[in-house]
Amino acid sequence: MRGSLVVLLAMSLFAARASSAQSTDAATKADDKQCLERPRGNPSDSGLANRADPTMQGNKNCLPPVLGHATINGVVFFDLDQNGMLGSEEVGISGWQVQLTGPVTQTVMTDANGAFSFSGLTAGDYTVCVLPPAGWDQIPPVSAPTTPCATGIGYKITAPVSPVDVTLPPLYFGYVSQ
């Protein structure tokens, strides 16, 4: 009887050790932690430049952080009431160039409804300006902070750092013919 009690006790200890062994979930969590960047104090200027990125050392299979992109859009329109706001009776102007400057520079044409869009933008400060043809006067915009452009008044827009894609509020550019 004593022998079977000792065997039973030994089997219980073995089962307890086997159940407390690391699981694959624990290994996955440890792999995730090795990819985290940890604060390491304030190095000197030369020390910061020479510091290695911990996510790139050894055989770590770390994925870069995924950040969202921004979309800036709006409408260029014939501003009948000259109030700088797109009204229900006002129509878009097609075929005009709209220029985006900032971390990237792009130029697009307005579509048949006067709409334009810049997508896939990284975080940063941008300026959006319309390049109107001769014979048109711009009505000062009212829907966001403005900034001077070579061809009139544009919008200054900040695309935020975001973990998901964002669409910023639309920009409106009103014009009247001379």
N, C-alpha and C. Protein backbone atom coordinates (compact mmCIF):
# COMPACT_ATOMS: atom_id res chain seq x y z
N MET A 1 0.82 -1.18 0.00
CA MET A 1 0.00 0.00 0.00
C MET A 1 0.87 1.25 0.00
N ARG A 2 1.97 1.16 0.81
CA ARG A 2 2.87 2.29 0.83
C ARG A 2 3.49 2.53 -0.54
N GLY A 3 3.83 1.51 -1.26
CA GLY A 3 4.44 1.63 -2.58
C GLY A 3 3.50 2.30 -3.56
N SER A 4 2.23 1.96 -3.51
CA SER A 4 1.29 2.57 -4.44
C SER A 4 1.04 4.03 -4.08
N LEU A 5 1.12 4.39 -2.80
CA LEU A 5 0.96 5.77 -2.38
C LEU A 5 2.13 6.62 -2.89
N VAL A 6 3.36 6.07 -2.83
CA VAL A 6 4.54 6.78 -3.32
C VAL A 6 4.44 6.97 -4.83
N VAL A 7 4.00 5.95 -5.55
CA VAL A 7 3.86 6.05 -7.00
C VAL A 7 2.80 7.09 -7.35
N LEU A 8 1.68 7.09 -6.62
CA LEU A 8 0.62 8.05 -6.85
C LEU A 8 1.11 9.47 -6.59
N LEU A 9 1.86 9.69 -5.54
CA LEU A 9 2.42 11.00 -5.22
C LEU A 9 3.40 11.45 -6.30
N ALA A 10 4.26 10.56 -6.76
CA ALA A 10 5.22 10.89 -7.82
C ALA A 10 4.50 11.25 -9.12
N MET A 11 3.44 10.54 -9.45
CA MET A 11 2.69 10.83 -10.67
C MET A 11 2.00 12.19 -10.57
N SER A 12 1.50 12.54 -9.38
CA SER A 12 0.85 13.84 -9.18
C SER A 12 1.84 14.98 -9.39
N LEU A 13 3.06 14.85 -8.86
CA LEU A 13 4.09 15.88 -9.03
C LEU A 13 4.47 16.02 -10.51
N PHE A 14 4.60 14.91 -11.21
CA PHE A 14 4.96 14.94 -12.63
C PHE A 14 3.87 15.65 -13.43
N ALA A 15 2.59 15.34 -13.13
CA ALA A 15 1.47 15.97 -13.83
C ALA A 15 1.43 17.46 -13.54
N ALA A 16 1.73 17.87 -12.30
CA ALA A 16 1.73 19.29 -11.95
C ALA A 16 2.82 20.03 -12.70
N ARG A 17 4.01 19.44 -12.83
CA ARG A 17 5.10 20.09 -13.56
C ARG A 17 4.78 20.20 -15.05
N ALA A 18 4.19 19.17 -15.61
CA ALA A 18 3.85 19.19 -17.03
C ALA A 18 2.79 20.25 -17.32
N SER A 19 1.84 20.43 -16.42
CA SER A 19 0.78 21.41 -16.66
C SER A 19 1.26 22.84 -16.49
N SER A 20 2.36 23.05 -15.72
CA SER A 20 2.85 24.41 -15.54
C SER A 20 3.95 24.77 -16.53
N ALA A 21 4.25 23.88 -17.47
CA ALA A 21 5.26 24.18 -18.48
C ALA A 21 4.75 25.30 -19.37
N GLN A 22 5.66 26.02 -20.04
CA GLN A 22 5.27 27.13 -20.89
C GLN A 22 4.45 26.63 -22.06
N SER A 23 3.39 27.33 -22.32
CA SER A 23 2.56 27.00 -23.46
C SER A 23 3.02 27.81 -24.67
N THR A 24 2.47 27.50 -25.83
CA THR A 24 2.82 28.27 -27.03
C THR A 24 2.29 29.68 -26.93
N ASP A 25 1.20 29.91 -26.16
CA ASP A 25 0.69 31.26 -25.95
C ASP A 25 1.71 32.11 -25.21
N ALA A 26 2.36 31.54 -24.20
CA ALA A 26 3.36 32.27 -23.44
C ALA A 26 4.56 32.61 -24.32
N ALA A 27 4.93 31.69 -25.20
CA ALA A 27 6.04 31.94 -26.12
C ALA A 27 5.68 33.07 -27.09
N THR A 28 4.44 33.09 -27.55
CA THR A 28 4.01 34.15 -28.46
C THR A 28 4.04 35.50 -27.76
N LYS A 29 3.59 35.55 -26.50
CA LYS A 29 3.61 36.81 -25.76
C LYS A 29 5.04 37.29 -25.53
N ALA A 30 5.96 36.39 -25.29
CA ALA A 30 7.36 36.77 -25.12
C ALA A 30 7.92 37.32 -26.43
N ASP A 31 7.54 36.73 -27.58
CA ASP A 31 7.98 37.22 -28.87
C ASP A 31 7.45 38.63 -29.12
N ASP A 32 6.20 38.88 -28.72
CA ASP A 32 5.63 40.22 -28.88
C ASP A 32 6.39 41.24 -28.05
N LYS A 33 6.79 40.87 -26.83
CA LYS A 33 7.50 41.79 -25.95
C LYS A 33 8.88 42.15 -26.48
N GLN A 34 9.53 41.22 -27.18
CA GLN A 34 10.87 41.52 -27.67
C GLN A 34 10.83 42.57 -28.78
N CYS A 35 9.68 42.79 -29.38
CA CYS A 35 9.55 43.78 -30.44
C CYS A 35 9.20 45.16 -29.92
N LEU A 36 8.84 45.26 -28.65
CA LEU A 36 8.51 46.56 -28.08
C LEU A 36 9.77 47.38 -27.87
N GLU A 37 9.68 48.67 -28.18
CA GLU A 37 10.80 49.55 -27.92
C GLU A 37 10.68 50.05 -26.49
N ARG A 38 11.74 49.93 -25.72
CA ARG A 38 11.71 50.32 -24.33
C ARG A 38 12.53 51.58 -24.11
N PRO A 39 12.03 52.50 -23.28
CA PRO A 39 12.81 53.71 -23.00
C PRO A 39 14.11 53.35 -22.29
N ARG A 40 15.19 54.02 -22.67
CA ARG A 40 16.49 53.68 -22.10
C ARG A 40 17.24 54.89 -21.56
N GLY A 41 16.55 55.86 -21.06
CA GLY A 41 17.24 57.01 -20.51
C GLY A 41 17.56 58.03 -21.59
N ASN A 42 18.36 59.00 -21.21
CA ASN A 42 18.72 60.09 -22.12
C ASN A 42 20.18 59.96 -22.54
N PRO A 43 20.43 59.41 -23.74
CA PRO A 43 21.82 59.30 -24.17
C PRO A 43 22.35 60.65 -24.63
N SER A 44 23.65 60.73 -24.77
CA SER A 44 24.25 61.94 -25.31
C SER A 44 23.87 62.04 -26.78
N ASP A 45 24.15 63.18 -27.41
CA ASP A 45 23.82 63.35 -28.82
C ASP A 45 24.48 62.29 -29.69
N SER A 46 25.75 61.99 -29.42
CA SER A 46 26.43 60.98 -30.22
C SER A 46 25.92 59.58 -29.88
N GLY A 47 25.53 59.35 -28.65
CA GLY A 47 25.00 58.05 -28.25
C GLY A 47 23.68 57.75 -28.91
N LEU A 48 22.82 58.77 -29.06
CA LEU A 48 21.52 58.58 -29.70
C LEU A 48 21.70 58.21 -31.17
N ALA A 49 22.65 58.86 -31.84
CA ALA A 49 22.88 58.58 -33.26
C ALA A 49 23.44 57.18 -33.48
N ASN A 50 24.16 56.66 -32.51
CA ASN A 50 24.79 55.35 -32.66
C ASN A 50 23.99 54.21 -32.04
N ARG A 51 22.86 54.50 -31.46
CA ARG A 51 22.05 53.48 -30.80
C ARG A 51 21.33 52.63 -31.84
N ALA A 52 21.40 51.34 -31.66
CA ALA A 52 20.75 50.40 -32.59
C ALA A 52 19.27 50.28 -32.26
N ASP A 53 18.48 50.03 -33.27
CA ASP A 53 17.06 49.80 -33.10
C ASP A 53 16.86 48.37 -32.58
N PRO A 54 16.28 48.20 -31.38
CA PRO A 54 16.16 46.85 -30.81
C PRO A 54 15.27 45.93 -31.64
N THR A 55 14.37 46.48 -32.42
CA THR A 55 13.50 45.62 -33.23
C THR A 55 14.22 45.06 -34.44
N MET A 56 15.41 45.56 -34.74
CA MET A 56 16.15 45.09 -35.91
C MET A 56 17.32 44.18 -35.55
N GLN A 57 17.55 43.95 -34.27
CA GLN A 57 18.69 43.14 -33.85
C GLN A 57 18.33 41.67 -33.81
N GLY A 58 19.31 40.84 -34.11
CA GLY A 58 19.14 39.39 -34.01
C GLY A 58 18.15 38.86 -35.02
N ASN A 59 17.50 37.78 -34.65
CA ASN A 59 16.58 37.14 -35.58
C ASN A 59 15.13 37.45 -35.22
N LYS A 60 14.88 38.63 -34.68
CA LYS A 60 13.51 39.00 -34.33
C LYS A 60 12.71 39.22 -35.60
N ASN A 61 11.52 38.73 -35.59
CA ASN A 61 10.63 38.89 -36.74
C ASN A 61 9.56 39.92 -36.37
N CYS A 62 10.00 41.16 -36.15
CA CYS A 62 9.09 42.21 -35.69
C CYS A 62 8.47 42.93 -36.88
N LEU A 63 7.17 43.13 -36.81
CA LEU A 63 6.49 43.87 -37.84
C LEU A 63 6.52 45.35 -37.49
N PRO A 64 6.65 46.25 -38.47
CA PRO A 64 6.62 47.68 -38.17
C PRO A 64 5.23 48.06 -37.68
N PRO A 65 5.14 49.12 -36.87
CA PRO A 65 3.81 49.54 -36.41
C PRO A 65 2.97 50.00 -37.59
N VAL A 66 1.70 49.65 -37.56
CA VAL A 66 0.80 50.02 -38.64
C VAL A 66 0.14 51.35 -38.26
N LEU A 67 0.34 52.34 -39.12
CA LEU A 67 -0.28 53.64 -38.90
C LEU A 67 -1.28 53.91 -40.02
N GLY A 68 -2.34 54.61 -39.67
CA GLY A 68 -3.35 54.92 -40.67
C GLY A 68 -2.89 56.04 -41.60
N HIS A 69 -3.64 56.22 -42.65
CA HIS A 69 -3.38 57.27 -43.62
C HIS A 69 -4.55 58.24 -43.62
N ALA A 70 -4.29 59.44 -44.14
CA ALA A 70 -5.32 60.47 -44.18
C ALA A 70 -5.78 60.70 -45.61
N THR A 71 -7.02 61.16 -45.73
CA THR A 71 -7.58 61.58 -47.00
C THR A 71 -8.06 63.02 -46.84
N ILE A 72 -7.63 63.87 -47.78
CA ILE A 72 -8.08 65.26 -47.83
C ILE A 72 -8.89 65.39 -49.10
N ASN A 73 -10.12 65.92 -48.99
CA ASN A 73 -10.96 66.08 -50.17
C ASN A 73 -11.73 67.39 -50.10
N GLY A 74 -12.42 67.69 -51.14
CA GLY A 74 -13.20 68.92 -51.17
C GLY A 74 -13.84 69.15 -52.52
N VAL A 75 -14.33 70.39 -52.71
CA VAL A 75 -15.04 70.75 -53.92
C VAL A 75 -14.64 72.17 -54.34
N VAL A 76 -14.42 72.35 -55.65
CA VAL A 76 -14.25 73.67 -56.25
C VAL A 76 -15.59 73.97 -56.93
N PHE A 77 -16.19 75.14 -56.61
CA PHE A 77 -17.55 75.39 -57.09
C PHE A 77 -17.76 76.84 -57.51
N PHE A 78 -18.80 77.04 -58.31
CA PHE A 78 -19.20 78.37 -58.75
C PHE A 78 -20.04 78.95 -57.61
N ASP A 79 -19.51 79.95 -56.92
CA ASP A 79 -20.12 80.51 -55.70
C ASP A 79 -21.09 81.64 -56.07
N LEU A 80 -22.31 81.26 -56.43
CA LEU A 80 -23.31 82.23 -56.89
C LEU A 80 -23.58 83.32 -55.86
N ASP A 81 -23.74 82.95 -54.60
CA ASP A 81 -24.07 83.95 -53.57
C ASP A 81 -22.82 84.55 -52.92
N GLN A 82 -21.66 84.12 -53.36
CA GLN A 82 -20.36 84.66 -52.93
C GLN A 82 -20.19 84.67 -51.40
N ASN A 83 -20.60 83.57 -50.76
CA ASN A 83 -20.44 83.48 -49.30
C ASN A 83 -19.35 82.49 -48.88
N GLY A 84 -18.66 81.87 -49.84
CA GLY A 84 -17.57 80.94 -49.54
C GLY A 84 -18.03 79.56 -49.10
N MET A 85 -19.34 79.33 -49.10
CA MET A 85 -19.88 78.03 -48.69
C MET A 85 -20.67 77.41 -49.84
N LEU A 86 -20.52 76.10 -50.02
CA LEU A 86 -21.23 75.39 -51.08
C LEU A 86 -22.70 75.27 -50.73
N GLY A 87 -23.56 75.89 -51.55
CA GLY A 87 -25.00 75.83 -51.33
C GLY A 87 -25.64 74.82 -52.28
N SER A 88 -26.89 74.50 -52.02
CA SER A 88 -27.59 73.49 -52.82
C SER A 88 -27.78 73.92 -54.27
N GLU A 89 -27.85 75.22 -54.54
CA GLU A 89 -28.04 75.70 -55.91
C GLU A 89 -26.72 75.93 -56.66
N GLU A 90 -25.59 75.73 -55.99
CA GLU A 90 -24.28 75.97 -56.59
C GLU A 90 -23.71 74.67 -57.16
N VAL A 91 -22.95 74.80 -58.26
CA VAL A 91 -22.44 73.62 -58.95
C VAL A 91 -20.92 73.60 -58.92
N GLY A 92 -20.38 72.37 -58.96
CA GLY A 92 -18.94 72.20 -59.00
C GLY A 92 -18.36 72.59 -60.35
N ILE A 93 -17.09 72.93 -60.35
CA ILE A 93 -16.38 73.31 -61.57
C ILE A 93 -15.40 72.19 -61.90
N SER A 94 -15.53 71.61 -63.06
CA SER A 94 -14.69 70.47 -63.43
C SER A 94 -13.43 70.91 -64.18
N GLY A 95 -12.41 70.05 -64.12
CA GLY A 95 -11.20 70.25 -64.90
C GLY A 95 -10.21 71.26 -64.35
N TRP A 96 -10.33 71.63 -63.08
CA TRP A 96 -9.38 72.57 -62.48
C TRP A 96 -8.32 71.80 -61.70
N GLN A 97 -7.12 72.35 -61.65
CA GLN A 97 -6.02 71.72 -60.90
C GLN A 97 -6.09 72.14 -59.43
N VAL A 98 -5.88 71.14 -58.57
CA VAL A 98 -5.78 71.38 -57.12
C VAL A 98 -4.45 70.80 -56.70
N GLN A 99 -3.67 71.59 -55.97
CA GLN A 99 -2.32 71.17 -55.59
C GLN A 99 -2.21 71.00 -54.08
N LEU A 100 -1.57 69.91 -53.69
CA LEU A 100 -1.27 69.59 -52.30
C LEU A 100 0.23 69.69 -52.11
N THR A 101 0.67 70.43 -51.09
CA THR A 101 2.10 70.48 -50.75
C THR A 101 2.25 70.15 -49.28
N GLY A 102 3.38 69.60 -48.93
CA GLY A 102 3.67 69.20 -47.55
C GLY A 102 4.69 68.08 -47.58
N PRO A 103 4.52 67.06 -46.73
CA PRO A 103 5.44 65.92 -46.77
C PRO A 103 5.48 65.27 -48.16
N VAL A 104 4.38 65.38 -48.91
CA VAL A 104 4.34 64.96 -50.31
C VAL A 104 3.68 66.07 -51.11
N THR A 105 3.99 66.14 -52.40
CA THR A 105 3.37 67.11 -53.29
C THR A 105 2.64 66.34 -54.38
N GLN A 106 1.37 66.70 -54.56
CA GLN A 106 0.54 66.05 -55.58
C GLN A 106 -0.34 67.10 -56.23
N THR A 107 -0.73 66.85 -57.47
CA THR A 107 -1.69 67.70 -58.16
C THR A 107 -2.74 66.79 -58.78
N VAL A 108 -4.02 67.15 -58.58
CA VAL A 108 -5.13 66.39 -59.17
C VAL A 108 -6.05 67.37 -59.89
N MET A 109 -6.91 66.82 -60.74
CA MET A 109 -7.92 67.61 -61.44
C MET A 109 -9.28 67.37 -60.79
N THR A 110 -10.10 68.40 -60.76
CA THR A 110 -11.45 68.22 -60.22
C THR A 110 -12.27 67.38 -61.20
N ASP A 111 -13.18 66.58 -60.65
CA ASP A 111 -14.02 65.72 -61.50
C ASP A 111 -15.21 66.51 -62.04
N ALA A 112 -16.16 65.83 -62.64
CA ALA A 112 -17.33 66.47 -63.26
C ALA A 112 -18.16 67.26 -62.25
N ASN A 113 -18.07 66.92 -60.97
CA ASN A 113 -18.82 67.62 -59.92
C ASN A 113 -17.96 68.64 -59.18
N GLY A 114 -16.73 68.86 -59.63
CA GLY A 114 -15.83 69.81 -58.97
C GLY A 114 -15.10 69.21 -57.78
N ALA A 115 -15.27 67.91 -57.54
CA ALA A 115 -14.67 67.26 -56.37
C ALA A 115 -13.22 66.87 -56.65
N PHE A 116 -12.43 66.86 -55.58
CA PHE A 116 -11.04 66.41 -55.64
C PHE A 116 -10.74 65.62 -54.39
N SER A 117 -9.68 64.81 -54.44
CA SER A 117 -9.31 63.99 -53.28
C SER A 117 -7.83 63.63 -53.35
N PHE A 118 -7.18 63.70 -52.19
CA PHE A 118 -5.82 63.22 -52.01
C PHE A 118 -5.88 62.16 -50.92
N SER A 119 -5.45 60.94 -51.23
CA SER A 119 -5.55 59.87 -50.24
C SER A 119 -4.20 59.21 -50.01
N GLY A 120 -4.13 58.39 -48.96
CA GLY A 120 -2.90 57.67 -48.62
C GLY A 120 -1.84 58.57 -48.04
N LEU A 121 -2.25 59.68 -47.42
CA LEU A 121 -1.30 60.67 -46.89
C LEU A 121 -0.80 60.29 -45.51
N THR A 122 0.48 60.51 -45.27
CA THR A 122 1.06 60.29 -43.95
C THR A 122 0.79 61.52 -43.08
N ALA A 123 1.00 61.37 -41.79
CA ALA A 123 0.77 62.48 -40.86
C ALA A 123 1.70 63.64 -41.20
N GLY A 124 1.20 64.86 -41.00
CA GLY A 124 2.01 66.05 -41.24
C GLY A 124 1.16 67.24 -41.61
N ASP A 125 1.83 68.36 -41.87
CA ASP A 125 1.16 69.61 -42.25
C ASP A 125 1.13 69.74 -43.76
N TYR A 126 -0.04 70.05 -44.30
CA TYR A 126 -0.24 70.17 -45.74
C TYR A 126 -0.89 71.51 -46.06
N THR A 127 -0.69 71.97 -47.29
CA THR A 127 -1.38 73.13 -47.83
C THR A 127 -2.08 72.68 -49.10
N VAL A 128 -3.36 73.08 -49.23
CA VAL A 128 -4.15 72.75 -50.42
C VAL A 128 -4.51 74.06 -51.11
N CYS A 129 -4.14 74.16 -52.39
CA CYS A 129 -4.41 75.35 -53.19
C CYS A 129 -5.02 74.96 -54.52
N VAL A 130 -5.88 75.83 -55.05
CA VAL A 130 -6.46 75.64 -56.37
C VAL A 130 -5.67 76.50 -57.34
N LEU A 131 -5.44 75.97 -58.55
CA LEU A 131 -4.75 76.70 -59.61
C LEU A 131 -5.81 77.07 -60.66
N PRO A 132 -6.52 78.18 -60.46
CA PRO A 132 -7.64 78.50 -61.35
C PRO A 132 -7.16 79.04 -62.70
N PRO A 133 -7.97 78.85 -63.72
CA PRO A 133 -7.64 79.46 -65.00
C PRO A 133 -7.89 80.98 -64.94
N ALA A 134 -7.36 81.68 -65.91
CA ALA A 134 -7.55 83.14 -65.95
C ALA A 134 -9.04 83.47 -66.05
N GLY A 135 -9.42 84.59 -65.47
CA GLY A 135 -10.80 85.05 -65.58
C GLY A 135 -11.69 84.65 -64.42
N TRP A 136 -11.12 84.11 -63.34
CA TRP A 136 -11.90 83.71 -62.18
C TRP A 136 -11.35 84.38 -60.93
N ASP A 137 -12.25 84.80 -60.04
CA ASP A 137 -11.87 85.39 -58.76
C ASP A 137 -12.31 84.45 -57.64
N GLN A 138 -11.42 84.30 -56.66
CA GLN A 138 -11.73 83.41 -55.54
C GLN A 138 -12.51 84.15 -54.46
N ILE A 139 -13.49 83.48 -53.91
CA ILE A 139 -14.22 83.98 -52.74
C ILE A 139 -13.48 83.41 -51.53
N PRO A 140 -13.12 84.25 -50.54
CA PRO A 140 -12.35 83.72 -49.40
C PRO A 140 -13.04 82.54 -48.73
N PRO A 141 -12.31 81.43 -48.51
CA PRO A 141 -12.90 80.25 -47.87
C PRO A 141 -13.20 80.49 -46.40
N VAL A 142 -14.16 79.71 -45.88
CA VAL A 142 -14.57 79.89 -44.48
C VAL A 142 -14.59 78.59 -43.69
N SER A 143 -14.25 77.44 -44.30
CA SER A 143 -14.47 76.17 -43.61
C SER A 143 -13.26 75.61 -42.85
N ALA A 144 -12.11 76.27 -42.88
CA ALA A 144 -10.93 75.77 -42.16
C ALA A 144 -9.88 76.88 -42.12
N PRO A 145 -8.80 76.69 -41.35
CA PRO A 145 -7.74 77.71 -41.33
C PRO A 145 -7.15 77.90 -42.73
N THR A 146 -6.98 79.16 -43.12
CA THR A 146 -6.49 79.46 -44.45
C THR A 146 -5.04 79.90 -44.42
N THR A 147 -4.44 79.89 -45.61
CA THR A 147 -3.06 80.31 -45.79
C THR A 147 -2.92 80.88 -47.19
N PRO A 148 -2.04 81.85 -47.38
CA PRO A 148 -1.87 82.39 -48.74
C PRO A 148 -1.27 81.35 -49.69
N CYS A 149 -1.73 81.38 -50.92
CA CYS A 149 -1.17 80.57 -52.00
C CYS A 149 -0.74 81.54 -53.10
N ALA A 150 0.07 81.08 -54.01
CA ALA A 150 0.50 81.92 -55.13
C ALA A 150 -0.69 82.34 -55.97
N THR A 151 -1.75 81.54 -55.98
CA THR A 151 -2.92 81.80 -56.82
C THR A 151 -4.13 82.25 -56.02
N GLY A 152 -3.98 82.59 -54.76
CA GLY A 152 -5.13 83.00 -53.95
C GLY A 152 -4.97 82.55 -52.51
N ILE A 153 -6.07 82.05 -51.99
CA ILE A 153 -6.09 81.60 -50.60
C ILE A 153 -6.30 80.09 -50.58
N GLY A 154 -5.49 79.40 -49.78
CA GLY A 154 -5.62 77.95 -49.64
C GLY A 154 -5.91 77.58 -48.21
N TYR A 155 -5.92 76.30 -47.99
CA TYR A 155 -6.17 75.77 -46.65
C TYR A 155 -4.90 75.15 -46.10
N LYS A 156 -4.70 75.37 -44.80
CA LYS A 156 -3.61 74.69 -44.09
C LYS A 156 -4.26 73.57 -43.29
N ILE A 157 -3.82 72.33 -43.54
CA ILE A 157 -4.43 71.14 -42.94
C ILE A 157 -3.36 70.32 -42.24
N THR A 158 -3.67 69.80 -41.06
CA THR A 158 -2.76 68.88 -40.37
C THR A 158 -3.39 67.50 -40.37
N ALA A 159 -2.69 66.57 -41.02
CA ALA A 159 -3.12 65.17 -41.00
C ALA A 159 -2.56 64.55 -39.73
N PRO A 160 -3.42 64.01 -38.86
CA PRO A 160 -2.95 63.51 -37.57
C PRO A 160 -2.28 62.14 -37.66
N VAL A 161 -1.49 61.82 -36.65
CA VAL A 161 -0.98 60.46 -36.49
C VAL A 161 -2.16 59.67 -35.95
N SER A 162 -2.49 58.57 -36.62
CA SER A 162 -3.66 57.79 -36.22
C SER A 162 -3.40 56.32 -36.50
N PRO A 163 -3.90 55.43 -35.64
CA PRO A 163 -3.72 54.00 -35.90
C PRO A 163 -4.65 53.49 -37.00
N VAL A 164 -5.63 54.31 -37.40
CA VAL A 164 -6.58 53.92 -38.45
C VAL A 164 -6.62 55.01 -39.52
N ASP A 165 -7.18 54.68 -40.68
CA ASP A 165 -7.34 55.67 -41.73
C ASP A 165 -8.38 56.71 -41.32
N VAL A 166 -8.11 57.98 -41.68
CA VAL A 166 -9.04 59.06 -41.36
C VAL A 166 -9.32 59.89 -42.61
N THR A 167 -10.54 60.40 -42.70
CA THR A 167 -10.91 61.35 -43.74
C THR A 167 -11.18 62.67 -43.06
N LEU A 168 -10.44 63.69 -43.45
CA LEU A 168 -10.57 65.01 -42.84
C LEU A 168 -11.81 65.72 -43.39
N PRO A 169 -12.33 66.71 -42.65
CA PRO A 169 -13.52 67.43 -43.14
C PRO A 169 -13.25 68.03 -44.53
N PRO A 170 -14.28 68.09 -45.38
CA PRO A 170 -14.08 68.59 -46.75
C PRO A 170 -13.72 70.08 -46.78
N LEU A 171 -12.98 70.44 -47.83
CA LEU A 171 -12.57 71.83 -48.07
C LEU A 171 -13.37 72.37 -49.25
N TYR A 172 -13.79 73.63 -49.16
CA TYR A 172 -14.59 74.22 -50.21
C TYR A 172 -13.89 75.46 -50.76
N PHE A 173 -13.76 75.51 -52.09
CA PHE A 173 -13.14 76.63 -52.79
C PHE A 173 -14.20 77.23 -53.72
N GLY A 174 -14.69 78.44 -53.38
CA GLY A 174 -15.68 79.11 -54.20
C GLY A 174 -15.03 80.11 -55.15
N TYR A 175 -15.54 80.16 -56.38
CA TYR A 175 -15.03 81.08 -57.39
C TYR A 175 -16.20 81.70 -58.15
N VAL A 176 -15.96 82.92 -58.67
CA VAL A 176 -16.90 83.58 -59.57
C VAL A 176 -16.12 84.02 -60.80
N SER A 177 -16.80 84.04 -61.95
CA SER A 177 -16.12 84.49 -63.15
C SER A 177 -16.11 86.01 -63.20
N GLN A 178 -15.07 86.54 -63.82
CA GLN A 178 -14.91 88.00 -63.89
C GLN A 178 -15.83 88.60 -64.94
